[in-house]
């Protein structure tokens, strides 16, 4: 299980239609709310989908 915290930047395997592949974690729970770093579009995904499609995590210090 990947440990995510609010404020972390997650790099996904696939790009968003705007061209960005980085997402900021807004809310963590059974579902994870993400905001696109390119266009600020917000989505809610199941934790399993986020864990499966995550390539890299930049921790918020």
PDB file of N, CA and C in Angstrom:
ATOM      1  N   UNK A   1       0.839  -1.188   0.000  1.00  0.00           N
ATOM      2  CA  UNK A   1       0.000   0.000   0.000  1.00  0.00           C
ATOM      3  C   UNK A   1       0.881   1.248   0.000  1.00  0.00           C
ATOM      4  N   UNK A   2       0.559   2.178  -0.857  1.00  0.00           N
ATOM      5  CA  UNK A   2       1.291   3.439  -0.966  1.00  0.00           C
ATOM      6  C   UNK A   2       0.757   4.418   0.079  1.00  0.00           C
ATOM      7  N   UNK A   3       1.667   5.085   0.787  1.00  0.00           N
ATOM      8  CA  UNK A   3       1.268   6.075   1.785  1.00  0.00           C
ATOM      9  C   UNK A   3       1.219   7.443   1.115  1.00  0.00           C
ATOM     10  N   UNK A   4       0.021   8.006   1.016  1.00  0.00           N
ATOM     11  CA  UNK A   4      -0.164   9.331   0.425  1.00  0.00           C
ATOM     12  C   UNK A   4      -0.650  10.297   1.487  1.00  0.00           C
ATOM     13  N   UNK A   5      -0.201  11.533   1.384  1.00  0.00           N
ATOM     14  CA  UNK A   5      -0.637  12.587   2.290  1.00  0.00           C
ATOM     15  C   UNK A   5      -1.101  13.779   1.465  1.00  0.00           C
ATOM     16  N   UNK A   6      -1.940  14.603   2.058  1.00  0.00           N
ATOM     17  CA  UNK A   6      -2.428  15.808   1.381  1.00  0.00           C
ATOM     18  C   UNK A   6      -1.232  16.693   1.049  1.00  0.00           C
ATOM     19  N   UNK A   7      -1.174  17.153  -0.203  1.00  0.00           N
ATOM     20  CA  UNK A   7      -0.086  18.020  -0.645  1.00  0.00           C
ATOM     21  C   UNK A   7       0.971  17.299  -1.461  1.00  0.00           C
ATOM     22  N   UNK A   8       0.978  15.959  -1.438  1.00  0.00           N
ATOM     23  CA  UNK A   8       1.943  15.202  -2.235  1.00  0.00           C
ATOM     24  C   UNK A   8       1.649  15.385  -3.723  1.00  0.00           C
ATOM     25  N   UNK A   9       2.690  15.309  -4.535  1.00  0.00           N
ATOM     26  CA  UNK A   9       2.547  15.371  -5.986  1.00  0.00           C
ATOM     27  C   UNK A   9       2.756  13.956  -6.530  1.00  0.00           C
ATOM     28  N   UNK A  10       1.755  13.451  -7.255  1.00  0.00           N
ATOM     29  CA  UNK A  10       1.800  12.094  -7.798  1.00  0.00           C
ATOM     30  C   UNK A  10       1.982  12.176  -9.309  1.00  0.00           C
ATOM     31  N   UNK A  11       2.974  11.441  -9.824  1.00  0.00           N
ATOM     32  CA  UNK A  11       3.182  11.374 -11.275  1.00  0.00           C
ATOM     33  C   UNK A  11       2.534  10.085 -11.759  1.00  0.00           C
ATOM     34  N   UNK A  12       1.585  10.210 -12.687  1.00  0.00           N
ATOM     35  CA  UNK A  12       0.833   9.065 -13.174  1.00  0.00           C
ATOM     36  C   UNK A  12       1.445   8.517 -14.462  1.00  0.00           C
ATOM     37  N   UNK A  13       1.090   7.265 -14.805  1.00  0.00           N
ATOM     38  CA  UNK A  13       1.602   6.630 -16.020  1.00  0.00           C
ATOM     39  C   UNK A  13       1.056   7.302 -17.276  1.00  0.00           C
ATOM     40  N   UNK A  14      -0.232   7.655 -17.240  1.00  0.00           N
ATOM     41  CA  UNK A  14      -0.861   8.282 -18.408  1.00  0.00           C
ATOM     42  C   UNK A  14      -1.012   9.783 -18.186  1.00  0.00           C
ATOM     43  N   UNK A  15      -0.962  10.533 -19.276  1.00  0.00           N
ATOM     44  CA  UNK A  15      -1.101  11.992 -19.198  1.00  0.00           C
ATOM     45  C   UNK A  15      -2.568  12.398 -19.249  1.00  0.00           C
ATOM     46  N   UNK A  16      -2.869  13.515 -18.618  1.00  0.00           N
ATOM     47  CA  UNK A  16      -4.186  14.140 -18.701  1.00  0.00           C
ATOM     48  C   UNK A  16      -4.292  14.778 -20.089  1.00  0.00           C
ATOM     49  N   UNK A  17      -5.474  14.950 -20.646  1.00  0.00           N
ATOM     50  CA  UNK A  17      -5.604  15.573 -21.967  1.00  0.00           C
ATOM     51  C   UNK A  17      -4.918  16.941 -22.098  1.00  0.00           C
ATOM     52  N   UNK A  18      -4.716  17.647 -20.990  1.00  0.00           N
ATOM     53  CA  UNK A  18      -4.036  18.947 -21.056  1.00  0.00           C
ATOM     54  C   UNK A  18      -2.528  18.775 -21.263  1.00  0.00           C
ATOM     55  N   UNK A  19      -2.007  17.559 -21.073  1.00  0.00           N
ATOM     56  CA  UNK A  19      -0.588  17.295 -21.298  1.00  0.00           C
ATOM     57  C   UNK A  19       0.213  17.054 -20.029  1.00  0.00           C
ATOM     58  N   UNK A  20      -0.361  17.336 -18.872  1.00  0.00           N
ATOM     59  CA  UNK A  20       0.351  17.153 -17.606  1.00  0.00           C
ATOM     60  C   UNK A  20       0.135  15.729 -17.088  1.00  0.00           C
ATOM     61  N   UNK A  21       1.172  15.163 -16.462  1.00  0.00           N
ATOM     62  CA  UNK A  21       1.027  13.844 -15.850  1.00  0.00           C
ATOM     63  C   UNK A  21       1.237  13.915 -14.334  1.00  0.00           C
ATOM     64  N   UNK A  22       1.245  15.145 -13.783  1.00  0.00           N
ATOM     65  CA  UNK A  22       1.410  15.322 -12.345  1.00  0.00           C
ATOM     66  C   UNK A  22       0.104  15.804 -11.712  1.00  0.00           C
ATOM     67  N   UNK A  23      -0.222  15.221 -10.552  1.00  0.00           N
ATOM     68  CA  UNK A  23      -1.455  15.513  -9.840  1.00  0.00           C
ATOM     69  C   UNK A  23      -1.143  15.815  -8.387  1.00  0.00           C
ATOM     70  N   UNK A  24      -1.824  16.788  -7.807  1.00  0.00           N
ATOM     71  CA  UNK A  24      -1.655  17.124  -6.390  1.00  0.00           C
ATOM     72  C   UNK A  24      -2.760  16.439  -5.597  1.00  0.00           C
ATOM     73  N   UNK A  25      -2.389  15.789  -4.493  1.00  0.00           N
ATOM     74  CA  UNK A  25      -3.350  15.104  -3.634  1.00  0.00           C
ATOM     75  C   UNK A  25      -4.066  16.141  -2.772  1.00  0.00           C
ATOM     76  N   UNK A  26      -5.403  16.167  -2.871  1.00  0.00           N
ATOM     77  CA  UNK A  26      -6.212  17.125  -2.126  1.00  0.00           C
ATOM     78  C   UNK A  26      -6.879  16.461  -0.920  1.00  0.00           C
ATOM     79  N   UNK A  27      -7.330  15.209  -1.100  1.00  0.00           N
ATOM     80  CA  UNK A  27      -8.044  14.502  -0.034  1.00  0.00           C
ATOM     81  C   UNK A  27      -7.670  13.029  -0.089  1.00  0.00           C
ATOM     82  N   UNK A  28      -7.464  12.426   1.080  1.00  0.00           N
ATOM     83  CA  UNK A  28      -7.070  11.020   1.150  1.00  0.00           C
ATOM     84  C   UNK A  28      -8.082  10.253   1.988  1.00  0.00           C
ATOM     85  N   UNK A  29      -8.424   9.075   1.537  1.00  0.00           N
ATOM     86  CA  UNK A  29      -9.347   8.190   2.244  1.00  0.00           C
ATOM     87  C   UNK A  29      -9.501   6.933   1.412  1.00  0.00           C
ATOM     88  N   UNK A  30     -10.688   6.335   1.417  1.00  0.00           N
ATOM     89  CA  UNK A  30     -10.948   5.186   0.551  1.00  0.00           C
ATOM     90  C   UNK A  30     -10.858   5.628  -0.906  1.00  0.00           C
ATOM     91  N   UNK A  31     -11.313   6.848  -1.168  1.00  0.00           N
ATOM     92  CA  UNK A  31     -11.145   7.490  -2.473  1.00  0.00           C
ATOM     93  C   UNK A  31     -10.116   8.598  -2.306  1.00  0.00           C
ATOM     94  N   UNK A  32      -9.428   8.922  -3.386  1.00  0.00           N
ATOM     95  CA  UNK A  32      -8.414   9.980  -3.349  1.00  0.00           C
ATOM     96  C   UNK A  32      -8.806  11.062  -4.333  1.00  0.00           C
ATOM     97  N   UNK A  33      -8.835  12.311  -3.864  1.00  0.00           N
ATOM     98  CA  UNK A  33      -9.170  13.449  -4.714  1.00  0.00           C
ATOM     99  C   UNK A  33      -7.872  14.075  -5.188  1.00  0.00           C
ATOM    100  N   UNK A  34      -7.766  14.248  -6.504  1.00  0.00           N
ATOM    101  CA  UNK A  34      -6.560  14.779  -7.124  1.00  0.00           C
ATOM    102  C   UNK A  34      -6.878  16.026  -7.936  1.00  0.00           C
ATOM    103  N   UNK A  35      -5.908  16.929  -8.017  1.00  0.00           N
ATOM    104  CA  UNK A  35      -6.031  18.128  -8.831  1.00  0.00           C
ATOM    105  C   UNK A  35      -4.887  18.134  -9.844  1.00  0.00           C
ATOM    106  N   UNK A  36      -5.216  18.298 -11.119  1.00  0.00           N
ATOM    107  CA  UNK A  36      -4.211  18.317 -12.180  1.00  0.00           C
ATOM    108  C   UNK A  36      -3.312  19.540 -11.998  1.00  0.00           C
ATOM    109  N   UNK A  37      -2.005  19.349 -12.102  1.00  0.00           N
ATOM    110  CA  UNK A  37      -1.054  20.446 -11.944  1.00  0.00           C
ATOM    111  C   UNK A  37      -1.036  21.351 -13.181  1.00  0.00           C
ATOM    112  N   UNK A  38      -1.555  20.848 -14.300  1.00  0.00           N
ATOM    113  CA  UNK A  38      -1.567  21.640 -15.528  1.00  0.00           C
ATOM    114  C   UNK A  38      -2.772  22.560 -15.637  1.00  0.00           C
ATOM    115  N   UNK A  39      -3.971  21.988 -15.494  1.00  0.00           N
ATOM    116  CA  UNK A  39      -5.195  22.772 -15.722  1.00  0.00           C
ATOM    117  C   UNK A  39      -6.072  22.891 -14.479  1.00  0.00           C
ATOM    118  N   UNK A  40      -5.643  22.311 -13.358  1.00  0.00           N
ATOM    119  CA  UNK A  40      -6.357  22.357 -12.074  1.00  0.00           C
ATOM    120  C   UNK A  40      -7.704  21.638 -12.096  1.00  0.00           C
ATOM    121  N   UNK A  41      -7.899  20.719 -13.044  1.00  0.00           N
ATOM    122  CA  UNK A  41      -9.106  19.889 -13.083  1.00  0.00           C
ATOM    123  C   UNK A  41      -9.047  18.923 -11.908  1.00  0.00           C
ATOM    124  N   UNK A  42     -10.158  18.733 -11.198  1.00  0.00           N
ATOM    125  CA  UNK A  42     -10.187  17.859 -10.033  1.00  0.00           C
ATOM    126  C   UNK A  42     -10.941  16.572 -10.348  1.00  0.00           C
ATOM    127  N   UNK A  43     -10.378  15.443  -9.887  1.00  0.00           N
ATOM    128  CA  UNK A  43     -11.018  14.144 -10.069  1.00  0.00           C
ATOM    129  C   UNK A  43     -10.969  13.369  -8.754  1.00  0.00           C
ATOM    130  N   UNK A  44     -11.847  12.394  -8.622  1.00  0.00           N
ATOM    131  CA  UNK A  44     -11.840  11.487  -7.478  1.00  0.00           C
ATOM    132  C   UNK A  44     -11.675  10.078  -8.032  1.00  0.00           C
ATOM    133  N   UNK A  45     -10.650   9.374  -7.546  1.00  0.00           N
ATOM    134  CA  UNK A  45     -10.369   8.008  -7.980  1.00  0.00           C
ATOM    135  C   UNK A  45     -10.323   7.083  -6.769  1.00  0.00           C
ATOM    136  N   UNK A  46     -10.610   5.808  -6.999  1.00  0.00           N
ATOM    137  CA  UNK A  46     -10.450   4.817  -5.947  1.00  0.00           C
ATOM    138  C   UNK A  46      -8.964   4.690  -5.633  1.00  0.00           C
ATOM    139  N   UNK A  47      -8.665   4.400  -4.367  1.00  0.00           N
ATOM    140  CA  UNK A  47      -7.269   4.255  -3.944  1.00  0.00           C
ATOM    141  C   UNK A  47      -6.544   3.209  -4.794  1.00  0.00           C
ATOM    142  N   UNK A  48      -7.211   2.104  -5.126  1.00  0.00           N
ATOM    143  CA  UNK A  48      -6.579   1.034  -5.911  1.00  0.00           C
ATOM    144  C   UNK A  48      -6.173   1.521  -7.300  1.00  0.00           C
ATOM    145  N   UNK A  49      -6.984   2.385  -7.909  1.00  0.00           N
ATOM    146  CA  UNK A  49      -6.652   2.932  -9.232  1.00  0.00           C
ATOM    147  C   UNK A  49      -5.439   3.841  -9.154  1.00  0.00           C
ATOM    148  N   UNK A  50      -5.365   4.657  -8.100  1.00  0.00           N
ATOM    149  CA  UNK A  50      -4.231   5.563  -7.940  1.00  0.00           C
ATOM    150  C   UNK A  50      -2.955   4.757  -7.719  1.00  0.00           C
ATOM    151  N   UNK A  51      -3.019   3.734  -6.848  1.00  0.00           N
ATOM    152  CA  UNK A  51      -1.846   2.911  -6.577  1.00  0.00           C
ATOM    153  C   UNK A  51      -1.371   2.180  -7.829  1.00  0.00           C
ATOM    154  N   UNK A  52      -2.304   1.705  -8.636  1.00  0.00           N
ATOM    155  CA  UNK A  52      -1.966   0.959  -9.851  1.00  0.00           C
ATOM    156  C   UNK A  52      -1.298   1.854 -10.902  1.00  0.00           C
ATOM    157  N   UNK A  53      -1.748   3.097 -11.023  1.00  0.00           N
ATOM    158  CA  UNK A  53      -1.285   3.975 -12.095  1.00  0.00           C
ATOM    159  C   UNK A  53      -0.211   4.977 -11.674  1.00  0.00           C
ATOM    160  N   UNK A  54       0.267   4.906 -10.433  1.00  0.00           N
ATOM    161  CA  UNK A  54       1.283   5.843  -9.959  1.00  0.00           C
ATOM    162  C   UNK A  54       2.661   5.409 -10.434  1.00  0.00           C
ATOM    163  N   UNK A  55       3.401   6.372 -10.981  1.00  0.00           N
ATOM    164  CA  UNK A  55       4.762   6.124 -11.428  1.00  0.00           C
ATOM    165  C   UNK A  55       5.776   6.612 -10.393  1.00  0.00           C
ATOM    166  N   UNK A  56       5.494   7.767  -9.775  1.00  0.00           N
ATOM    167  CA  UNK A  56       6.429   8.394  -8.854  1.00  0.00           C
ATOM    168  C   UNK A  56       5.654   9.306  -7.895  1.00  0.00           C
ATOM    169  N   UNK A  57       6.205   9.497  -6.689  1.00  0.00           N
ATOM    170  CA  UNK A  57       5.570  10.394  -5.699  1.00  0.00           C
ATOM    171  C   UNK A  57       6.610  11.380  -5.199  1.00  0.00           C
ATOM    172  N   UNK A  58       6.247  12.672  -5.226  1.00  0.00           N
ATOM    173  CA  UNK A  58       7.084  13.702  -4.619  1.00  0.00           C
ATOM    174  C   UNK A  58       6.408  14.073  -3.306  1.00  0.00           C
ATOM    175  N   UNK A  59       7.075  13.784  -2.198  1.00  0.00           N
ATOM    176  CA  UNK A  59       6.497  14.040  -0.888  1.00  0.00           C
ATOM    177  C   UNK A  59       6.504  15.527  -0.577  1.00  0.00           C
ATOM    178  N   UNK A  60       5.440  15.981   0.081  1.00  0.00           N
ATOM    179  CA  UNK A  60       5.334  17.356   0.544  1.00  0.00           C
ATOM    180  C   UNK A  60       6.099  17.456   1.855  1.00  0.00           C
ATOM    181  N   UNK A  61       7.119  18.298   1.892  1.00  0.00           N
ATOM    182  CA  UNK A  61       7.937  18.401   3.111  1.00  0.00           C
ATOM    183  C   UNK A  61       7.519  19.537   3.973  1.00  0.00           C
TER     184      UNK A  61
END
